[in-house]
Amino acid sequence: MSAVDLAAVVVTIVCLVVVVILVFAVQALVATLRQLRETIDELRAESLPMFGDLRTTVTKAGDELERVDEVMGRVERVVATADVASRLTQRVFTPPLIKTAAIVKGAGRATLSLRRGRSRKAITVHSQRGSARSRGLRRSRKSKVR
């Protein structure tokens, strides 16, 4: 046997060993891919119904949000109407109530005065120019009117 024949035999044996190793590697790779395919199939079988349920839930939640928006709009309109009604009621009823309260208070004082037998005291009129107090009262009344 010559050196060339010996080299050819060694190269052939090395190639056979490499081929055997590659065959085992390919078999392990095929087994791993089969397991991966089974896992993907299981995941697909479990997740697709979940996505359908999720889509249904999201659709229902969207419908409920639309209903809540409608209710909130109605509530806002009712609150605005109640606000306008309360302002109108206050404007209509406040002056007569104040006048009625003043009349009742005056009548109460008059009755009390008549029961005690007091005579009427003279009402003193202050000049608006001379009195600093009357000017202060005048200012406070103007500020209340505004």
N, C-alpha and C. Protein backbone atom coordinates (compact mmCIF):
# COMPACT_ATOMS: atom_id res chain seq x y z
N MET A 1 0.80 -1.16 0.00
CA MET A 1 0.00 0.00 0.00
C MET A 1 0.87 1.25 0.00
N SER A 2 0.46 2.05 -0.80
CA SER A 2 1.23 3.27 -0.92
C SER A 2 0.63 4.36 -0.03
N ALA A 3 1.31 5.43 0.04
CA ALA A 3 0.88 6.54 0.90
C ALA A 3 -0.42 7.14 0.38
N VAL A 4 -0.58 7.13 -0.91
CA VAL A 4 -1.81 7.69 -1.50
C VAL A 4 -2.97 6.80 -1.15
N ASP A 5 -2.78 5.48 -1.21
CA ASP A 5 -3.86 4.56 -0.86
C ASP A 5 -4.21 4.69 0.62
N LEU A 6 -3.21 4.84 1.47
CA LEU A 6 -3.45 5.01 2.89
C LEU A 6 -4.21 6.31 3.18
N ALA A 7 -3.86 7.36 2.51
CA ALA A 7 -4.54 8.65 2.69
C ALA A 7 -5.98 8.55 2.23
N ALA A 8 -6.25 7.82 1.15
CA ALA A 8 -7.60 7.66 0.64
C ALA A 8 -8.45 6.88 1.63
N VAL A 9 -7.87 5.83 2.25
CA VAL A 9 -8.60 5.05 3.23
C VAL A 9 -8.91 5.91 4.46
N VAL A 10 -7.95 6.69 4.93
CA VAL A 10 -8.17 7.55 6.10
C VAL A 10 -9.24 8.60 5.80
N VAL A 11 -9.18 9.22 4.64
CA VAL A 11 -10.17 10.24 4.26
C VAL A 11 -11.54 9.59 4.17
N THR A 12 -11.64 8.39 3.65
CA THR A 12 -12.91 7.69 3.52
C THR A 12 -13.48 7.40 4.91
N ILE A 13 -12.67 6.93 5.83
CA ILE A 13 -13.14 6.62 7.18
C ILE A 13 -13.60 7.90 7.88
N VAL A 14 -12.84 8.97 7.75
CA VAL A 14 -13.21 10.25 8.37
C VAL A 14 -14.53 10.74 7.78
N CYS A 15 -14.69 10.61 6.48
CA CYS A 15 -15.95 11.05 5.84
C CYS A 15 -17.12 10.21 6.34
N LEU A 16 -16.91 8.90 6.52
CA LEU A 16 -17.98 8.04 7.03
C LEU A 16 -18.36 8.45 8.46
N VAL A 17 -17.38 8.75 9.29
CA VAL A 17 -17.65 9.18 10.67
C VAL A 17 -18.43 10.51 10.65
N VAL A 18 -18.02 11.43 9.80
CA VAL A 18 -18.72 12.72 9.70
C VAL A 18 -20.14 12.51 9.22
N VAL A 19 -20.36 11.62 8.25
CA VAL A 19 -21.70 11.35 7.74
C VAL A 19 -22.57 10.75 8.84
N VAL A 20 -22.01 9.80 9.63
CA VAL A 20 -22.77 9.20 10.73
C VAL A 20 -23.15 10.26 11.75
N ILE A 21 -22.20 11.13 12.08
CA ILE A 21 -22.49 12.21 13.04
C ILE A 21 -23.58 13.13 12.49
N LEU A 22 -23.50 13.48 11.22
CA LEU A 22 -24.51 14.33 10.59
C LEU A 22 -25.88 13.65 10.56
N VAL A 23 -25.91 12.35 10.35
CA VAL A 23 -27.19 11.62 10.35
C VAL A 23 -27.83 11.70 11.74
N PHE A 24 -27.04 11.49 12.80
CA PHE A 24 -27.58 11.60 14.16
C PHE A 24 -28.07 13.04 14.46
N ALA A 25 -27.30 14.00 13.98
CA ALA A 25 -27.68 15.41 14.19
C ALA A 25 -28.99 15.73 13.46
N VAL A 26 -29.13 15.23 12.25
CA VAL A 26 -30.35 15.47 11.48
C VAL A 26 -31.54 14.77 12.14
N GLN A 27 -31.33 13.55 12.66
CA GLN A 27 -32.41 12.85 13.36
C GLN A 27 -32.84 13.63 14.61
N ALA A 28 -31.90 14.16 15.37
CA ALA A 28 -32.23 14.96 16.55
C ALA A 28 -32.97 16.24 16.15
N LEU A 29 -32.53 16.84 15.05
CA LEU A 29 -33.19 18.04 14.55
C LEU A 29 -34.61 17.75 14.09
N VAL A 30 -34.81 16.62 13.43
CA VAL A 30 -36.16 16.23 12.97
C VAL A 30 -37.06 15.99 14.19
N ALA A 31 -36.54 15.32 15.22
CA ALA A 31 -37.34 15.06 16.43
C ALA A 31 -37.72 16.37 17.11
N THR A 32 -36.78 17.30 17.17
CA THR A 32 -37.06 18.61 17.78
C THR A 32 -38.11 19.36 16.97
N LEU A 33 -38.01 19.31 15.67
CA LEU A 33 -39.00 19.98 14.82
C LEU A 33 -40.39 19.36 14.97
N ARG A 34 -40.47 18.04 15.14
CA ARG A 34 -41.77 17.38 15.36
C ARG A 34 -42.39 17.87 16.68
N GLN A 35 -41.56 17.94 17.73
CA GLN A 35 -42.07 18.43 19.02
C GLN A 35 -42.52 19.89 18.90
N LEU A 36 -41.74 20.66 18.17
CA LEU A 36 -42.10 22.06 17.98
C LEU A 36 -43.42 22.17 17.21
N ARG A 37 -43.62 21.37 16.21
CA ARG A 37 -44.87 21.37 15.44
C ARG A 37 -46.05 20.98 16.32
N GLU A 38 -45.86 19.95 17.19
CA GLU A 38 -46.94 19.54 18.10
C GLU A 38 -47.28 20.68 19.08
N THR A 39 -46.25 21.33 19.59
CA THR A 39 -46.48 22.44 20.52
C THR A 39 -47.23 23.59 19.83
N ILE A 40 -46.83 23.90 18.61
CA ILE A 40 -47.51 24.96 17.86
C ILE A 40 -48.96 24.59 17.59
N ASP A 41 -49.21 23.32 17.23
CA ASP A 41 -50.59 22.88 16.99
C ASP A 41 -51.44 22.99 18.26
N GLU A 42 -50.87 22.59 19.42
CA GLU A 42 -51.60 22.71 20.69
C GLU A 42 -51.89 24.17 21.02
N LEU A 43 -50.87 25.00 20.82
CA LEU A 43 -51.03 26.43 21.09
C LEU A 43 -52.10 27.04 20.19
N ARG A 44 -52.09 26.68 18.94
CA ARG A 44 -53.08 27.18 17.99
C ARG A 44 -54.48 26.69 18.38
N ALA A 45 -54.59 25.43 18.79
CA ALA A 45 -55.90 24.88 19.17
C ALA A 45 -56.45 25.57 20.42
N GLU A 46 -55.57 25.96 21.35
CA GLU A 46 -56.03 26.63 22.57
C GLU A 46 -56.23 28.13 22.39
N SER A 47 -55.41 28.75 21.57
CA SER A 47 -55.45 30.22 21.48
C SER A 47 -56.54 30.72 20.53
N LEU A 48 -56.86 30.02 19.49
CA LEU A 48 -57.87 30.51 18.55
C LEU A 48 -59.24 30.71 19.22
N PRO A 49 -59.73 29.76 20.03
CA PRO A 49 -60.99 30.03 20.73
C PRO A 49 -60.88 31.22 21.70
N MET A 50 -59.70 31.37 22.32
CA MET A 50 -59.51 32.50 23.23
C MET A 50 -59.59 33.82 22.49
N PHE A 51 -59.02 33.88 21.31
CA PHE A 51 -59.08 35.11 20.52
C PHE A 51 -60.51 35.41 20.08
N GLY A 52 -61.28 34.35 19.78
CA GLY A 52 -62.69 34.55 19.46
C GLY A 52 -63.45 35.11 20.64
N ASP A 53 -63.20 34.54 21.83
CA ASP A 53 -63.83 35.05 23.04
C ASP A 53 -63.39 36.48 23.34
N LEU A 54 -62.12 36.74 23.12
CA LEU A 54 -61.60 38.09 23.35
C LEU A 54 -62.26 39.09 22.41
N ARG A 55 -62.44 38.72 21.16
CA ARG A 55 -63.10 39.60 20.20
C ARG A 55 -64.54 39.87 20.65
N THR A 56 -65.24 38.84 21.09
CA THR A 56 -66.62 39.01 21.58
C THR A 56 -66.65 39.93 22.79
N THR A 57 -65.72 39.72 23.71
CA THR A 57 -65.66 40.55 24.92
C THR A 57 -65.38 42.00 24.58
N VAL A 58 -64.46 42.23 23.67
CA VAL A 58 -64.13 43.61 23.28
C VAL A 58 -65.33 44.26 22.59
N THR A 59 -66.04 43.52 21.78
CA THR A 59 -67.23 44.06 21.12
C THR A 59 -68.29 44.43 22.14
N LYS A 60 -68.52 43.55 23.12
CA LYS A 60 -69.49 43.86 24.17
C LYS A 60 -69.06 45.06 24.99
N ALA A 61 -67.77 45.15 25.30
CA ALA A 61 -67.26 46.29 26.07
C ALA A 61 -67.45 47.58 25.28
N GLY A 62 -67.22 47.54 23.98
CA GLY A 62 -67.44 48.73 23.14
C GLY A 62 -68.91 49.14 23.15
N ASP A 63 -69.81 48.16 23.07
CA ASP A 63 -71.24 48.47 23.12
C ASP A 63 -71.62 49.09 24.46
N GLU A 64 -71.08 48.54 25.54
CA GLU A 64 -71.37 49.08 26.87
C GLU A 64 -70.83 50.50 27.02
N LEU A 65 -69.66 50.76 26.46
CA LEU A 65 -69.10 52.11 26.51
C LEU A 65 -69.98 53.10 25.75
N GLU A 66 -70.53 52.66 24.63
CA GLU A 66 -71.45 53.53 23.89
C GLU A 66 -72.69 53.83 24.73
N ARG A 67 -73.20 52.82 25.42
CA ARG A 67 -74.36 53.04 26.29
C ARG A 67 -74.02 54.00 27.42
N VAL A 68 -72.84 53.81 28.01
CA VAL A 68 -72.41 54.70 29.10
C VAL A 68 -72.27 56.13 28.59
N ASP A 69 -71.73 56.29 27.37
CA ASP A 69 -71.62 57.62 26.79
C ASP A 69 -73.00 58.26 26.60
N GLU A 70 -73.95 57.47 26.14
CA GLU A 70 -75.32 57.98 25.97
C GLU A 70 -75.90 58.41 27.32
N VAL A 71 -75.71 57.56 28.33
CA VAL A 71 -76.24 57.89 29.66
C VAL A 71 -75.56 59.15 30.21
N MET A 72 -74.25 59.26 30.02
CA MET A 72 -73.53 60.45 30.50
C MET A 72 -74.04 61.70 29.79
N GLY A 73 -74.32 61.59 28.49
CA GLY A 73 -74.87 62.73 27.76
C GLY A 73 -76.22 63.13 28.31
N ARG A 74 -77.05 62.14 28.60
CA ARG A 74 -78.36 62.44 29.17
C ARG A 74 -78.23 63.09 30.54
N VAL A 75 -77.31 62.55 31.35
CA VAL A 75 -77.11 63.10 32.69
C VAL A 75 -76.63 64.55 32.60
N GLU A 76 -75.72 64.83 31.66
CA GLU A 76 -75.25 66.20 31.50
C GLU A 76 -76.38 67.13 31.10
N ARG A 77 -77.26 66.66 30.20
CA ARG A 77 -78.40 67.49 29.80
C ARG A 77 -79.35 67.72 30.98
N VAL A 78 -79.57 66.67 31.79
CA VAL A 78 -80.46 66.82 32.95
C VAL A 78 -79.85 67.78 33.97
N VAL A 79 -78.54 67.68 34.19
CA VAL A 79 -77.88 68.57 35.13
C VAL A 79 -77.96 70.01 34.64
N ALA A 80 -77.75 70.22 33.35
CA ALA A 80 -77.84 71.57 32.80
C ALA A 80 -79.26 72.11 32.95
N THR A 81 -80.25 71.27 32.68
CA THR A 81 -81.64 71.70 32.82
C THR A 81 -81.96 72.02 34.27
N ALA A 82 -81.50 71.17 35.19
CA ALA A 82 -81.75 71.41 36.60
C ALA A 82 -81.05 72.68 37.06
N ASP A 83 -79.87 72.96 36.56
CA ASP A 83 -79.15 74.18 36.91
C ASP A 83 -79.93 75.40 36.45
N VAL A 84 -80.40 75.36 35.21
CA VAL A 84 -81.18 76.48 34.69
C VAL A 84 -82.47 76.64 35.49
N ALA A 85 -83.12 75.52 35.80
CA ALA A 85 -84.37 75.58 36.56
C ALA A 85 -84.13 76.13 37.96
N SER A 86 -83.03 75.74 38.60
CA SER A 86 -82.77 76.24 39.95
C SER A 86 -82.46 77.73 39.92
N ARG A 87 -81.71 78.18 38.92
CA ARG A 87 -81.43 79.61 38.80
C ARG A 87 -82.72 80.40 38.57
N LEU A 88 -83.55 79.87 37.68
CA LEU A 88 -84.81 80.55 37.39
C LEU A 88 -85.69 80.58 38.63
N THR A 89 -85.75 79.47 39.34
CA THR A 89 -86.55 79.41 40.57
C THR A 89 -86.02 80.41 41.59
N GLN A 90 -84.71 80.48 41.71
CA GLN A 90 -84.13 81.43 42.66
C GLN A 90 -84.46 82.86 42.26
N ARG A 91 -84.37 83.18 40.99
CA ARG A 91 -84.68 84.54 40.55
C ARG A 91 -86.15 84.88 40.74
N VAL A 92 -87.02 83.89 40.56
CA VAL A 92 -88.45 84.16 40.67
C VAL A 92 -88.90 84.25 42.12
N PHE A 93 -88.43 83.33 42.96
CA PHE A 93 -88.97 83.23 44.32
C PHE A 93 -88.19 84.00 45.38
N THR A 94 -86.95 84.33 45.14
CA THR A 94 -86.15 84.99 46.18
C THR A 94 -86.69 86.37 46.54
N PRO A 95 -86.93 87.27 45.59
CA PRO A 95 -87.43 88.60 46.00
C PRO A 95 -88.75 88.55 46.77
N PRO A 96 -89.77 87.79 46.34
CA PRO A 96 -90.99 87.75 47.14
C PRO A 96 -90.77 87.14 48.53
N LEU A 97 -89.89 86.14 48.63
CA LEU A 97 -89.63 85.53 49.93
C LEU A 97 -88.94 86.52 50.85
N ILE A 98 -88.00 87.29 50.31
CA ILE A 98 -87.32 88.29 51.13
C ILE A 98 -88.32 89.34 51.60
N LYS A 99 -89.17 89.77 50.69
CA LYS A 99 -90.17 90.78 51.07
C LYS A 99 -91.13 90.22 52.10
N THR A 100 -91.55 88.99 51.92
CA THR A 100 -92.47 88.38 52.88
C THR A 100 -91.80 88.25 54.24
N ALA A 101 -90.53 87.85 54.25
CA ALA A 101 -89.81 87.73 55.52
C ALA A 101 -89.68 89.09 56.19
N ALA A 102 -89.42 90.12 55.39
CA ALA A 102 -89.31 91.47 55.96
C ALA A 102 -90.65 91.92 56.55
N ILE A 103 -91.73 91.64 55.84
CA ILE A 103 -93.07 92.02 56.33
C ILE A 103 -93.39 91.27 57.63
N VAL A 104 -93.09 89.97 57.66
CA VAL A 104 -93.36 89.18 58.86
C VAL A 104 -92.52 89.69 60.02
N LYS A 105 -91.25 90.00 59.76
CA LYS A 105 -90.39 90.52 60.82
C LYS A 105 -90.90 91.86 61.32
N GLY A 106 -91.28 92.73 60.39
CA GLY A 106 -91.83 94.03 60.78
C GLY A 106 -93.13 93.89 61.55
N ALA A 107 -93.98 92.99 61.11
CA ALA A 107 -95.25 92.77 61.80
C ALA A 107 -94.99 92.22 63.20
N GLY A 108 -94.00 91.32 63.31
CA GLY A 108 -93.65 90.77 64.62
C GLY A 108 -93.15 91.85 65.56
N ARG A 109 -92.32 92.74 65.05
CA ARG A 109 -91.83 93.83 65.88
C ARG A 109 -92.96 94.78 66.28
N ALA A 110 -93.85 95.02 65.32
CA ALA A 110 -94.97 95.93 65.61
C ALA A 110 -95.86 95.32 66.68
N THR A 111 -96.13 94.03 66.57
CA THR A 111 -96.97 93.38 67.57
C THR A 111 -96.29 93.38 68.93
N LEU A 112 -95.02 93.11 68.94
CA LEU A 112 -94.28 93.13 70.19
C LEU A 112 -94.30 94.54 70.80
N SER A 113 -94.14 95.51 69.96
CA SER A 113 -94.16 96.90 70.44
C SER A 113 -95.54 97.26 70.98
N LEU A 114 -96.58 96.82 70.32
CA LEU A 114 -97.95 97.13 70.77
C LEU A 114 -98.26 96.38 72.07
N ARG A 115 -97.75 95.19 72.20
CA ARG A 115 -98.02 94.43 73.43
C ARG A 115 -97.34 95.07 74.64
N ARG A 116 -96.17 95.59 74.44
CA ARG A 116 -95.44 96.19 75.55
C ARG A 116 -95.94 97.60 75.84
N GLY A 117 -96.69 98.12 74.98
CA GLY A 117 -97.25 99.44 75.21
C GLY A 117 -96.28 100.57 74.99
N ARG A 118 -95.27 100.34 74.22
CA ARG A 118 -94.31 101.39 73.94
C ARG A 118 -94.90 102.38 72.95
N SER A 119 -94.46 103.54 73.10
CA SER A 119 -94.87 104.54 72.12
C SER A 119 -93.86 104.52 71.00
N ARG A 120 -94.26 105.04 69.88
CA ARG A 120 -93.37 105.05 68.73
C ARG A 120 -92.24 106.03 68.98
N LYS A 121 -91.09 105.62 68.62
CA LYS A 121 -89.95 106.51 68.70
C LYS A 121 -89.83 107.23 67.38
N ALA A 122 -89.40 108.44 67.47
CA ALA A 122 -89.23 109.22 66.26
C ALA A 122 -88.05 108.67 65.48
N ILE A 123 -88.21 108.59 64.19
CA ILE A 123 -87.14 108.10 63.33
C ILE A 123 -86.29 109.30 62.94
N THR A 124 -85.00 109.17 63.18
CA THR A 124 -84.10 110.27 62.84
C THR A 124 -83.55 110.04 61.45
N VAL A 125 -83.53 111.09 60.68
CA VAL A 125 -83.03 111.01 59.31
C VAL A 125 -81.68 111.67 59.28
N HIS A 126 -80.70 110.95 58.81
CA HIS A 126 -79.35 111.48 58.73
C HIS A 126 -79.12 112.05 57.34
N SER A 127 -78.41 113.11 57.29
CA SER A 127 -78.06 113.71 56.02
C SER A 127 -77.04 112.81 55.33
N GLN A 128 -77.16 112.63 54.04
CA GLN A 128 -76.24 111.76 53.31
C GLN A 128 -74.89 112.40 53.14
N ARG A 129 -74.85 113.70 53.13
CA ARG A 129 -73.57 114.37 52.92
C ARG A 129 -72.73 114.38 54.18
N GLY A 130 -73.33 114.66 55.29
CA GLY A 130 -72.58 114.90 56.51
C GLY A 130 -72.12 113.65 57.21
N SER A 131 -72.72 112.58 57.03
CA SER A 131 -72.43 111.40 57.83
C SER A 131 -71.55 110.42 57.06
N ALA A 132 -70.42 110.08 57.66
CA ALA A 132 -69.53 109.09 57.04
C ALA A 132 -70.17 107.71 57.08
N ARG A 133 -70.98 107.51 58.10
CA ARG A 133 -71.64 106.21 58.26
C ARG A 133 -72.64 106.00 57.12
N SER A 134 -73.39 107.04 56.77
CA SER A 134 -74.36 106.89 55.70
C SER A 134 -73.67 106.64 54.38
N ARG A 135 -72.50 107.24 54.17
CA ARG A 135 -71.76 106.97 52.94
C ARG A 135 -71.30 105.50 52.91
N GLY A 136 -70.86 105.00 54.04
CA GLY A 136 -70.44 103.60 54.10
C GLY A 136 -71.60 102.67 53.82
N LEU A 137 -72.77 103.02 54.36
CA LEU A 137 -73.95 102.19 54.10
C LEU A 137 -74.32 102.23 52.63
N ARG A 138 -74.21 103.42 52.08
CA ARG A 138 -74.57 103.56 50.68
C ARG A 138 -73.63 102.70 49.81
N ARG A 139 -72.37 102.70 50.12
CA ARG A 139 -71.43 101.89 49.34
C ARG A 139 -71.73 100.40 49.50
N SER A 140 -72.00 99.97 50.71
CA SER A 140 -72.26 98.55 50.91
C SER A 140 -73.53 98.13 50.21
N ARG A 141 -74.53 99.02 50.17
CA ARG A 141 -75.76 98.65 49.47
C ARG A 141 -75.51 98.55 47.98
N LYS A 142 -74.69 99.44 47.44
CA LYS A 142 -74.40 99.37 46.02
C LYS A 142 -73.64 98.10 45.71
N SER A 143 -72.71 97.72 46.55
CA SER A 143 -71.95 96.51 46.28
C SER A 143 -72.84 95.28 46.35
N LYS A 144 -73.86 95.30 47.18
CA LYS A 144 -74.77 94.15 47.28
C LYS A 144 -75.66 94.06 46.05
N VAL A 145 -75.99 95.20 45.48
CA VAL A 145 -76.87 95.21 44.32
C VAL A 145 -76.15 94.61 43.12
N ARG A 146 -74.89 94.85 43.02
CA ARG A 146 -74.13 94.33 41.88
C ARG A 146 -74.06 92.87 42.01
